[in-house]
C-alpha atoms as a PDB file:
ATOM      1  CA  MET A   1     127.067 145.642  72.445  1.00  0.00           C
ATOM      2  CA  SER A   2     125.502 142.447  70.679  1.00  0.00           C
ATOM      3  CA  SER A   3     124.351 142.949  67.080  1.00  0.00           C
ATOM      4  CA  ILE A   4     121.295 140.735  67.846  1.00  0.00           C
ATOM      5  CA  PRO A   5     119.301 143.374  69.635  1.00  0.00           C
ATOM      6  CA  LEU A   6     120.125 145.862  66.999  1.00  0.00           C
ATOM      7  CA  ILE A   7     118.811 143.746  64.153  1.00  0.00           C
ATOM      8  CA  GLN A   8     115.623 142.950  66.175  1.00  0.00           C
ATOM      9  CA  ARG A   9     114.978 146.675  67.094  1.00  0.00           C
ATOM     10  CA  GLY A  10     115.484 147.170  63.250  1.00  0.00           C
ATOM     11  CA  ARG A  11     112.922 144.564  62.520  1.00  0.00           C
ATOM     12  CA  ASP A  12     110.383 145.946  65.032  1.00  0.00           C
ATOM     13  CA  ARG A  13     110.902 149.389  63.860  1.00  0.00           C
ATOM     14  CA  LEU A  14     109.904 148.097  60.223  1.00  0.00           C
ATOM     15  CA  LYS A  15     106.941 146.404  61.463  1.00  0.00           C
ATOM     16  CA  GLU A  16     105.629 149.528  62.789  1.00  0.00           C
ATOM     17  CA  ILE A  17     106.089 151.574  59.624  1.00  0.00           C
ATOM     18  CA  VAL A  18     105.560 148.907  56.806  1.00  0.00           C
ATOM     19  CA  PRO A  19     101.960 147.853  56.298  1.00  0.00           C
ATOM     20  CA  LEU A  20     100.963 144.025  56.738  1.00  0.00           C
ATOM     21  CA  PRO A  21     100.028 143.456  53.247  1.00  0.00           C
ATOM     22  CA  VAL A  22     103.345 144.906  52.211  1.00  0.00           C
ATOM     23  CA  ARG A  23     105.340 142.720  54.765  1.00  0.00           C
ATOM     24  CA  ARG A  24     103.502 139.628  53.364  1.00  0.00           C
ATOM     25  CA  LYS A  25     104.506 140.586  49.774  1.00  0.00           C
ATOM     26  CA  LEU A  26     108.037 140.836  51.064  1.00  0.00           C
ATOM     27  CA  VAL A  27     108.064 137.506  52.693  1.00  0.00           C
ATOM     28  CA  GLN A  28     106.575 135.823  49.867  1.00  0.00           C
ATOM     29  CA  ALA A  29     109.162 137.258  47.514  1.00  0.00           C
ATOM     30  CA  ARG A  30     111.928 135.878  49.946  1.00  0.00           C
ATOM     31  CA  HIS A  31     110.358 132.493  49.983  1.00  0.00           C
ATOM     32  CA  ARG A  32     110.342 132.330  45.996  1.00  0.00           C
ATOM     33  CA  TRP A  33     113.943 133.502  45.925  1.00  0.00           C
ATOM     34  CA  ARG A  34     114.875 130.760  48.704  1.00  0.00           C
ATOM     35  CA  SER A  35     112.983 127.950  46.814  1.00  0.00           C
ATOM     36  CA  LEU A  36     115.683 128.208  44.130  1.00  0.00           C
ATOM     37  CA  SER A  37     117.980 126.690  46.568  1.00  0.00           C
ATOM     38  CA  ALA A  38     115.359 124.523  48.543  1.00  0.00           C
ATOM     39  CA  THR A  39     117.197 121.152  48.178  1.00  0.00           C
ATOM     40  CA  SER A  40     120.398 122.560  49.963  1.00  0.00           C
ATOM     41  CA  ARG A  41     118.368 123.935  52.896  1.00  0.00           C
ATOM     42  CA  VAL A  42     118.109 122.355  56.489  1.00  0.00           C
ATOM     43  CA  LEU A  43     115.087 121.131  58.004  1.00  0.00           C
ATOM     44  CA  PRO A  44     114.096 122.297  61.392  1.00  0.00           C
ATOM     45  CA  ASP A  45     115.477 120.982  64.711  1.00  0.00           C
ATOM     46  CA  PHE A  46     112.672 121.737  66.725  1.00  0.00           C
ATOM     47  CA  LEU A  47     109.016 122.505  66.612  1.00  0.00           C
ATOM     48  CA  ILE A  48     106.718 124.778  68.645  1.00  0.00           C
ATOM     49  CA  ILE A  49     103.336 123.100  68.291  1.00  0.00           C
ATOM     50  CA  GLY A  50     101.030 124.904  70.354  1.00  0.00           C
ATOM     51  CA  CYS A  51      98.745 126.146  71.976  1.00  0.00           C
ATOM     52  CA  GLN A  52      97.128 128.922  69.832  1.00  0.00           C
ATOM     53  CA  ARG A  53      96.736 131.979  72.317  1.00  0.00           C
ATOM     54  CA  GLY A  54      99.285 130.336  74.672  1.00  0.00           C
ATOM     55  CA  GLY A  55     102.315 132.757  74.112  1.00  0.00           C
ATOM     56  CA  THR A  56     103.903 131.180  70.880  1.00  0.00           C
ATOM     57  CA  SER A  57     104.318 134.366  69.121  1.00  0.00           C
ATOM     58  CA  SER A  58     106.356 135.880  72.110  1.00  0.00           C
ATOM     59  CA  LEU A  59     108.462 132.539  72.515  1.00  0.00           C
ATOM     60  CA  TYR A  60     109.185 132.718  68.699  1.00  0.00           C
ATOM     61  CA  ARG A  61     110.664 136.019  68.983  1.00  0.00           C
ATOM     62  CA  TYR A  62     112.740 135.287  72.038  1.00  0.00           C
ATOM     63  CA  LEU A  63     114.248 132.203  70.509  1.00  0.00           C
ATOM     64  CA  GLY A  64     114.648 133.921  67.259  1.00  0.00           C
ATOM     65  CA  GLN A  65     117.131 136.488  69.048  1.00  0.00           C
ATOM     66  CA  HIS A  66     119.430 133.684  70.306  1.00  0.00           C
ATOM     67  CA  PRO A  67     122.661 133.907  68.562  1.00  0.00           C
ATOM     68  CA  GLN A  68     122.838 129.989  67.955  1.00  0.00           C
ATOM     69  CA  ILE A  69     119.211 129.815  66.779  1.00  0.00           C
ATOM     70  CA  ALA A  70     117.672 130.554  63.319  1.00  0.00           C
ATOM     71  CA  PRO A  71     113.990 130.780  63.084  1.00  0.00           C
ATOM     72  CA  SER A  72     111.644 130.040  60.028  1.00  0.00           C
ATOM     73  CA  LEU A  73     111.186 132.580  57.245  1.00  0.00           C
ATOM     74  CA  ARG A  74     107.603 132.953  58.818  1.00  0.00           C
ATOM     75  CA  LYS A  75     106.567 131.883  62.168  1.00  0.00           C
ATOM     76  CA  GLU A  76     103.885 129.827  60.981  1.00  0.00           C
ATOM     77  CA  THR A  77     104.703 127.846  58.209  1.00  0.00           C
ATOM     78  CA  GLU A  78     101.517 125.687  58.546  1.00  0.00           C
ATOM     79  CA  PHE A  79     103.204 122.968  56.444  1.00  0.00           C
ATOM     80  CA  PHE A  80     102.134 119.839  58.474  1.00  0.00           C
ATOM     81  CA  SER A  81      98.437 120.909  58.832  1.00  0.00           C
ATOM     82  CA  ALA A  82      97.104 123.433  55.986  1.00  0.00           C
ATOM     83  CA  ARG A  83     100.118 123.554  53.507  1.00  0.00           C
ATOM     84  CA  PHE A  84     101.171 120.022  53.248  1.00  0.00           C
ATOM     85  CA  GLY A  85     100.190 119.694  49.662  1.00  0.00           C
ATOM     86  CA  LEU A  86     102.955 122.258  48.662  1.00  0.00           C
ATOM     87  CA  GLY A  87     105.675 119.690  49.074  1.00  0.00           C
ATOM     88  CA  GLU A  88     108.934 119.220  51.271  1.00  0.00           C
ATOM     89  CA  LEU A  89     110.940 121.488  49.121  1.00  0.00           C
ATOM     90  CA  TRP A  90     108.361 124.493  49.749  1.00  0.00           C
ATOM     91  CA  TYR A  91     108.802 123.580  53.275  1.00  0.00           C
ATOM     92  CA  LYS A  92     112.715 123.721  53.271  1.00  0.00           C
ATOM     93  CA  ALA A  93     112.695 127.211  51.670  1.00  0.00           C
ATOM     94  CA  ASN A  94     111.587 128.348  54.911  1.00  0.00           C
ATOM     95  CA  PHE A  95     114.995 127.339  56.724  1.00  0.00           C
ATOM     96  CA  PRO A  96     118.548 128.407  56.470  1.00  0.00           C
ATOM     97  CA  HIS A  97     120.889 126.952  53.735  1.00  0.00           C
ATOM     98  CA  THR A  98     123.553 124.198  54.863  1.00  0.00           C
ATOM     99  CA  LEU A  99     126.163 126.452  53.928  1.00  0.00           C
ATOM    100  CA  ARG A 100     125.264 128.646  56.914  1.00  0.00           C
ATOM    101  CA  ARG A 101     125.384 125.499  59.357  1.00  0.00           C
ATOM    102  CA  ARG A 102     128.709 124.421  57.804  1.00  0.00           C
ATOM    103  CA  PHE A 103     130.027 127.996  58.443  1.00  0.00           C
ATOM    104  CA  ALA A 104     128.765 127.934  61.876  1.00  0.00           C
ATOM    105  CA  GLY A 105     130.270 124.585  62.603  1.00  0.00           C
ATOM    106  CA  PHE A 106     133.753 125.765  61.058  1.00  0.00           C
ATOM    107  CA  LEU A 107     133.700 128.516  63.651  1.00  0.00           C
ATOM    108  CA  GLY A 108     133.076 126.167  66.242  1.00  0.00           C
ATOM    109  CA  LYS A 109     129.516 127.179  66.815  1.00  0.00           C
ATOM    110  CA  LYS A 110     125.912 125.913  66.562  1.00  0.00           C
ATOM    111  CA  LEU A 111     123.254 126.655  64.366  1.00  0.00           C
ATOM    112  CA  ILE A 112     119.836 125.327  65.351  1.00  0.00           C
ATOM    113  CA  THR A 113     116.601 125.965  63.509  1.00  0.00           C
ATOM    114  CA  PHE A 114     112.779 125.929  64.346  1.00  0.00           C
ATOM    115  CA  GLU A 115     109.385 126.938  63.380  1.00  0.00           C
ATOM    116  CA  ALA A 116     106.261 127.572  65.388  1.00  0.00           C
ATOM    117  CA  THR A 117     102.865 126.529  64.052  1.00  0.00           C
ATOM    118  CA  PRO A 118     100.195 126.329  66.856  1.00  0.00           C
ATOM    119  CA  ASP A 119      97.849 124.431  64.357  1.00  0.00           C
ATOM    120  CA  TYR A 120     100.194 121.524  64.546  1.00  0.00           C
ATOM    121  CA  LEU A 121      98.568 120.433  67.967  1.00  0.00           C
ATOM    122  CA  VAL A 122      94.979 120.469  67.261  1.00  0.00           C
ATOM    123  CA  ASP A 123      95.011 119.190  63.533  1.00  0.00           C
ATOM    124  CA  PRO A 124      94.922 115.434  63.645  1.00  0.00           C
ATOM    125  CA  ARG A 125      96.957 115.127  60.673  1.00  0.00           C
ATOM    126  CA  ALA A 126      99.903 116.938  61.558  1.00  0.00           C
ATOM    127  CA  ALA A 127     101.655 114.469  63.990  1.00  0.00           C
ATOM    128  CA  ARG A 128     102.003 111.578  61.740  1.00  0.00           C
ATOM    129  CA  ARG A 129     103.312 113.963  58.672  1.00  0.00           C
ATOM    130  CA  CYS A 130     105.775 115.447  61.032  1.00  0.00           C
ATOM    131  CA  ALA A 131     107.265 112.188  62.297  1.00  0.00           C
ATOM    132  CA  GLU A 132     107.653 111.009  58.998  1.00  0.00           C
ATOM    133  CA  ILE A 133     109.508 113.997  57.678  1.00  0.00           C
ATOM    134  CA  LEU A 134     111.336 114.891  61.024  1.00  0.00           C
ATOM    135  CA  PRO A 135     111.561 111.763  63.259  1.00  0.00           C
ATOM    136  CA  ARG A 136     114.243 113.159  65.314  1.00  0.00           C
ATOM    137  CA  ALA A 137     112.688 116.665  65.769  1.00  0.00           C
ATOM    138  CA  ARG A 138     112.314 118.027  69.344  1.00  0.00           C
ATOM    139  CA  ILE A 139     108.654 119.243  70.084  1.00  0.00           C
ATOM    140  CA  VAL A 140     107.598 121.925  72.348  1.00  0.00           C
ATOM    141  CA  LEU A 141     104.336 122.928  73.524  1.00  0.00           C
ATOM    142  CA  LEU A 142     102.706 125.463  75.792  1.00  0.00           C
ATOM    143  CA  LEU A 143      99.555 124.740  77.284  1.00  0.00           C
ATOM    144  CA  ARG A 144      97.120 127.499  78.512  1.00  0.00           C
ATOM    145  CA  GLU A 145      94.203 126.909  80.791  1.00  0.00           C
ATOM    146  CA  PRO A 146      91.497 125.778  78.147  1.00  0.00           C
ATOM    147  CA  GLY A 147      88.472 128.087  79.468  1.00  0.00           C
ATOM    148  CA  GLU A 148      90.854 131.229  79.324  1.00  0.00           C
ATOM    149  CA  ARG A 149      92.460 130.024  76.047  1.00  0.00           C
ATOM    150  CA  ALA A 150      89.091 129.706  74.523  1.00  0.00           C
ATOM    151  CA  VAL A 151      87.728 133.292  75.543  1.00  0.00           C
ATOM    152  CA  SER A 152      91.186 134.796  74.216  1.00  0.00           C
ATOM    153  CA  HIS A 153      90.565 133.054  71.065  1.00  0.00           C
ATOM    154  CA  TYR A 154      87.235 134.575  70.602  1.00  0.00           C
ATOM    155  CA  TYR A 155      88.104 138.107  71.332  1.00  0.00           C
ATOM    156  CA  HIS A 156      91.414 137.572  69.091  1.00  0.00           C
ATOM    157  CA  ASN A 157      88.917 136.624  66.241  1.00  0.00           C
ATOM    158  CA  ILE A 158      86.861 139.823  66.981  1.00  0.00           C
ATOM    159  CA  LYS A 159      89.705 141.844  66.816  1.00  0.00           C
ATOM    160  CA  LEU A 160      90.687 140.330  63.366  1.00  0.00           C
ATOM    161  CA  GLY A 161      87.068 140.766  62.232  1.00  0.00           C
ATOM    162  CA  LEU A 162      86.619 137.061  61.875  1.00  0.00           C
ATOM    163  CA  GLU A 163      83.745 136.727  64.459  1.00  0.00           C
ATOM    164  CA  ASN A 164      80.455 138.537  64.472  1.00  0.00           C
ATOM    165  CA  GLU A 165      78.513 136.298  67.017  1.00  0.00           C
ATOM    166  CA  SER A 166      78.347 136.778  70.782  1.00  0.00           C
ATOM    167  CA  LEU A 167      80.785 134.671  72.878  1.00  0.00           C
ATOM    168  CA  ASP A 168      77.872 132.398  74.170  1.00  0.00           C
ATOM    169  CA  ARG A 169      76.553 131.911  70.703  1.00  0.00           C
ATOM    170  CA  ALA A 170      79.996 131.325  69.194  1.00  0.00           C
ATOM    171  CA  LEU A 171      80.353 128.540  71.673  1.00  0.00           C
ATOM    172  CA  GLU A 172      77.118 127.108  70.801  1.00  0.00           C
ATOM    173  CA  LEU A 173      77.743 127.272  67.148  1.00  0.00           C
ATOM    174  CA  GLU A 174      81.197 125.384  67.173  1.00  0.00           C
ATOM    175  CA  ASP A 175      80.201 121.996  66.518  1.00  0.00           C
ATOM    176  CA  GLN A 176      77.900 123.082  63.486  1.00  0.00           C
ATOM    177  CA  ARG A 177      80.676 125.455  62.105  1.00  0.00           C
ATOM    178  CA  LEU A 178      83.260 122.719  62.267  1.00  0.00           C
ATOM    179  CA  ALA A 179      81.132 119.497  61.086  1.00  0.00           C
ATOM    180  CA  GLU A 180      82.324 119.735  57.376  1.00  0.00           C
ATOM    181  CA  ASP A 181      85.842 120.229  58.139  1.00  0.00           C
ATOM    182  CA  LEU A 182      85.760 117.372  60.667  1.00  0.00           C
ATOM    183  CA  VAL A 183      84.949 114.949  57.569  1.00  0.00           C
ATOM    184  CA  GLU A 184      87.752 116.456  55.493  1.00  0.00           C
ATOM    185  CA  LEU A 185      90.035 115.794  58.523  1.00  0.00           C
ATOM    186  CA  LYS A 186      88.967 112.183  59.064  1.00  0.00           C
ATOM    187  CA  SER A 187      89.719 111.470  55.121  1.00  0.00           C
ATOM    188  CA  ASP A 188      93.303 113.007  55.623  1.00  0.00           C
ATOM    189  CA  SER A 189      92.702 115.287  52.892  1.00  0.00           C
ATOM    190  CA  LEU A 190      94.851 118.344  51.920  1.00  0.00           C
ATOM    191  CA  SER A 191      92.351 120.814  52.791  1.00  0.00           C
ATOM    192  CA  PRO A 192      93.097 123.857  54.847  1.00  0.00           C
ATOM    193  CA  VAL A 193      89.997 123.418  56.813  1.00  0.00           C
ATOM    194  CA  THR A 194      89.671 127.122  57.496  1.00  0.00           C
ATOM    195  CA  ALA A 195      86.612 126.980  59.610  1.00  0.00           C
ATOM    196  CA  PHE A 196      88.144 124.502  61.850  1.00  0.00           C
ATOM    197  CA  ARG A 197      91.382 126.637  62.352  1.00  0.00           C
ATOM    198  CA  ARG A 198      89.020 129.749  63.177  1.00  0.00           C
ATOM    199  CA  PHE A 199      86.124 128.582  65.289  1.00  0.00           C
ATOM    200  CA  SER A 200      87.665 125.543  67.185  1.00  0.00           C
ATOM    201  CA  TYR A 201      87.307 127.539  70.530  1.00  0.00           C
ATOM    202  CA  VAL A 202      86.633 124.427  72.702  1.00  0.00           C
ATOM    203  CA  THR A 203      88.049 121.763  70.564  1.00  0.00           C
ATOM    204  CA  ARG A 204      91.525 123.330  70.714  1.00  0.00           C
ATOM    205  CA  GLY A 205      91.304 122.862  74.506  1.00  0.00           C
ATOM    206  CA  GLN A 206      90.987 119.155  74.360  1.00  0.00           C
ATOM    207  CA  TYR A 207      94.715 118.760  74.975  1.00  0.00           C
ATOM    208  CA  ALA A 208      94.756 115.053  76.222  1.00  0.00           C
ATOM    209  CA  GLU A 209      93.494 113.567  72.713  1.00  0.00           C
ATOM    210  CA  GLN A 210      95.709 116.103  70.950  1.00  0.00           C
ATOM    211  CA  LEU A 211      98.865 115.290  73.086  1.00  0.00           C
ATOM    212  CA  GLU A 212      98.148 111.677  72.620  1.00  0.00           C
ATOM    213  CA  ARG A 213      98.447 111.614  68.726  1.00  0.00           C
ATOM    214  CA  TRP A 214     102.074 113.116  69.258  1.00  0.00           C
ATOM    215  CA  LEU A 215     102.846 110.802  71.986  1.00  0.00           C
ATOM    216  CA  ALA A 216     101.889 107.878  69.589  1.00  0.00           C
ATOM    217  CA  VAL A 217     104.693 108.844  67.167  1.00  0.00           C
ATOM    218  CA  TYR A 218     107.392 110.552  69.027  1.00  0.00           C
ATOM    219  CA  PRO A 219     109.209 109.352  72.272  1.00  0.00           C
ATOM    220  CA  ARG A 220     108.304 111.060  75.429  1.00  0.00           C
ATOM    221  CA  GLU A 221     111.747 112.246  75.984  1.00  0.00           C
ATOM    222  CA  GLN A 222     111.430 114.205  72.603  1.00  0.00           C
ATOM    223  CA  ILE A 223     108.567 116.091  73.936  1.00  0.00           C
ATOM    224  CA  LEU A 224     108.768 119.113  76.261  1.00  0.00           C
ATOM    225  CA  ILE A 225     105.314 120.365  77.799  1.00  0.00           C
ATOM    226  CA  LEU A 226     105.222 123.524  79.704  1.00  0.00           C
ATOM    227  CA  GLU A 227     102.461 125.710  81.150  1.00  0.00           C
ATOM    228  CA  SER A 228     101.419 128.951  79.301  1.00  0.00           C
ATOM    229  CA  GLU A 229     100.835 130.720  82.823  1.00  0.00           C
ATOM    230  CA  GLU A 230     104.430 130.082  83.874  1.00  0.00           C
ATOM    231  CA  PHE A 231     105.645 131.325  80.891  1.00  0.00           C
ATOM    232  CA  PHE A 232     103.596 134.347  81.343  1.00  0.00           C
ATOM    233  CA  ARG A 233     104.842 134.810  85.061  1.00  0.00           C
ATOM    234  CA  GLU A 234     108.488 133.664  84.619  1.00  0.00           C
ATOM    235  CA  PRO A 235     109.569 133.827  80.877  1.00  0.00           C
ATOM    236  CA  ASP A 236     113.102 133.681  81.682  1.00  0.00           C
ATOM    237  CA  LEU A 237     112.954 130.398  83.846  1.00  0.00           C
ATOM    238  CA  VAL A 238     110.674 128.589  80.841  1.00  0.00           C
ATOM    239  CA  LEU A 239     113.210 129.928  78.267  1.00  0.00           C
ATOM    240  CA  LYS A 240     116.047 128.503  80.065  1.00  0.00           C
ATOM    241  CA  GLN A 241     113.968 124.868  79.935  1.00  0.00           C
ATOM    242  CA  ILE A 242     113.629 125.255  76.426  1.00  0.00           C
ATOM    243  CA  LEU A 243     116.936 126.162  75.743  1.00  0.00           C
ATOM    244  CA  GLU A 244     118.443 123.271  77.627  1.00  0.00           C
ATOM    245  CA  PHE A 245     115.967 120.879  75.848  1.00  0.00           C
ATOM    246  CA  VAL A 246     116.940 122.011  72.390  1.00  0.00           C
ATOM    247  CA  GLY A 247     120.451 122.000  72.930  1.00  0.00           C
ATOM    248  CA  ALA A 248     121.346 125.825  73.036  1.00  0.00           C
ATOM    249  CA  ASP A 249     123.595 127.919  75.401  1.00  0.00           C
ATOM    250  CA  TYR A 250     121.870 129.787  78.431  1.00  0.00           C
ATOM    251  CA  TRP A 251     120.896 133.365  76.979  1.00  0.00           C
ATOM    252  CA  GLN A 252     118.472 135.907  77.674  1.00  0.00           C
ATOM    253  CA  PRO A 253     116.755 138.551  74.904  1.00  0.00           C
ATOM    254  CA  PRO A 254     117.372 142.277  75.830  1.00  0.00           C
ATOM    255  CA  ASP A 255     113.564 142.014  77.176  1.00  0.00           C
ATOM    256  CA  PHE A 256     110.828 139.992  77.567  1.00  0.00           C
ATOM    257  CA  ARG A 257     108.321 142.307  75.832  1.00  0.00           C
ATOM    258  CA  ASN A 258     104.947 140.586  74.897  1.00  0.00           C
ATOM    259  CA  HIS A 259     104.984 140.072  71.085  1.00  0.00           C
ATOM    260  CA  SER A 260     101.575 138.278  71.080  1.00  0.00           C
ATOM    261  CA  TYR A 261      98.422 140.005  70.043  1.00  0.00           C
ATOM    262  CA  THR A 262      96.921 140.989  73.255  1.00  0.00           C
ATOM    263  CA  ASP A 263      93.434 141.241  74.598  1.00  0.00           C
ATOM    264  CA  GLN A 264      94.189 144.588  76.328  1.00  0.00           C
ATOM    265  CA  GLU A 265      91.946 146.662  73.874  1.00  0.00           C
ATOM    266  CA  SER A 266      88.705 144.594  74.725  1.00  0.00           C
ATOM    267  CA  ALA A 267      89.444 144.087  78.440  1.00  0.00           C
ATOM    268  CA  GLY A 268      86.648 146.332  79.165  1.00  0.00           C
ATOM    269  CA  HIS A 269      83.912 144.189  77.882  1.00  0.00           C
ATOM    270  CA  ARG A 270      85.343 140.713  78.860  1.00  0.00           C
ATOM    271  CA  VAL A 271      83.407 139.917  81.583  1.00  0.00           C
ATOM    272  CA  VAL A 272      82.559 136.406  80.968  1.00  0.00           C
ATOM    273  CA  PRO A 273      79.014 135.490  81.827  1.00  0.00           C
ATOM    274  CA  GLU A 274      78.800 132.779  84.654  1.00  0.00           C
ATOM    275  CA  SER A 275      76.819 130.532  82.335  1.00  0.00           C
ATOM    276  CA  VAL A 276      79.617 130.417  79.682  1.00  0.00           C
ATOM    277  CA  SER A 277      82.255 129.876  82.482  1.00  0.00           C
ATOM    278  CA  ASP A 278      80.056 126.762  83.679  1.00  0.00           C
ATOM    279  CA  PHE A 279      79.680 125.466  80.300  1.00  0.00           C
ATOM    280  CA  LEU A 280      83.374 125.951  79.650  1.00  0.00           C
ATOM    281  CA  GLU A 281      84.162 124.024  83.035  1.00  0.00           C
ATOM    282  CA  ARG A 282      82.014 121.217  82.100  1.00  0.00           C
ATOM    283  CA  ARG A 283      83.175 120.838  78.329  1.00  0.00           C
ATOM    284  CA  PHE A 284      86.712 120.510  79.634  1.00  0.00           C
ATOM    285  CA  ALA A 285      86.428 118.601  82.777  1.00  0.00           C
ATOM    286  CA  HIS A 286      87.071 115.116  81.251  1.00  0.00           C
ATOM    287  CA  SER A 287      89.686 116.261  79.168  1.00  0.00           C
ATOM    288  CA  ASN A 288      91.597 117.809  82.006  1.00  0.00           C
ATOM    289  CA  GLN A 289      91.473 114.677  83.941  1.00  0.00           C
ATOM    290  CA  ALA A 290      92.864 112.808  81.156  1.00  0.00           C
ATOM    291  CA  LEU A 291      95.631 115.284  80.635  1.00  0.00           C
ATOM    292  CA  ALA A 292      96.353 115.081  84.312  1.00  0.00           C
ATOM    293  CA  GLU A 293      96.827 111.423  83.994  1.00  0.00           C
ATOM    294  CA  LEU A 294      99.151 112.006  81.047  1.00  0.00           C
ATOM    295  CA  VAL A 295     101.558 114.709  82.590  1.00  0.00           C
ATOM    296  CA  GLY A 296     101.071 114.202  86.275  1.00  0.00           C
ATOM    297  CA  ASP A 297     101.847 117.521  87.825  1.00  0.00           C
ATOM    298  CA  GLU A 298     103.510 119.217  85.226  1.00  0.00           C
ATOM    299  CA  ILE A 299     100.865 121.594  84.562  1.00  0.00           C
ATOM    300  CA  GLY A 300      99.759 123.755  87.447  1.00  0.00           C
ATOM    301  CA  TRP A 301      96.323 124.835  86.264  1.00  0.00           C
ATOM    302  CA  LEU A 302      95.348 121.105  86.422  1.00  0.00           C
ATOM    303  CA  THR A 303      95.515 121.558  90.191  1.00  0.00           C
ATOM    304  CA  PRO A 304      93.890 125.063  91.047  1.00  0.00           C
ATOM    305  CA  ARG A 305      95.603 126.923  93.632  1.00  0.00           C
ATOM    306  CA  PRO A 306      93.779 127.386  96.990  1.00  0.00           C
END
């Protein structure tokens, strides 16, 4: 039996029994220790840049179990968005030592590394920063139907205790909540723009504008665009596409369990008012049309099934 599933089961068990604050302190301690050798650590070969609530947590876990792939210390380093001011050595401390890659090469094996920060897609500073440091990186993104994504985002915030407004009121307040942070983003500041990241329910679904920023700094062949809904339905097929894209051998995890925070606990009161559905449909109409022109028929939800 492969040791990978055993290691993963051990990690899963630790997550069940160790409180989140303790786990965070352990990660911080590991990062401080790895910072001592940051100059001798590799940078990632590929990035998962979004979208939030699109399946990136599960994808990170699946890929992290692959024998040729080493995940970042933390799933979301947020380096090219909220933590750019910490510097490249801070970033490198999240990834394996060069000796590990050399040893894998000596054995005739690959070592590919990555991270997954959904904020990179929506943050207008991230694409240019990323291209300057990782010009040859491969970019993976999952796109979820933006109305469903917005509602899932709202209930996720409810679960985390970050949102006190009703769904329709939260959507109504979005522009007001984001106004100050949008000024910071335009000035290319190092601000973490916390409100922008938390309350960008509609903004995060404006995929066309966000994708155009990445296409402006990366060749199209370095960007893989996938549909979250297809990943939810057939994770094995989508995982195969990604492995081919990043240059890893075909492989499957022991199971395709959902590792994302789900909306099941709030499913009983997730009846979306028709007025909200209509509002979201109107807000995303132009962006969806622009996205269709960019990606053609790659995204199934752009052409609703009969």
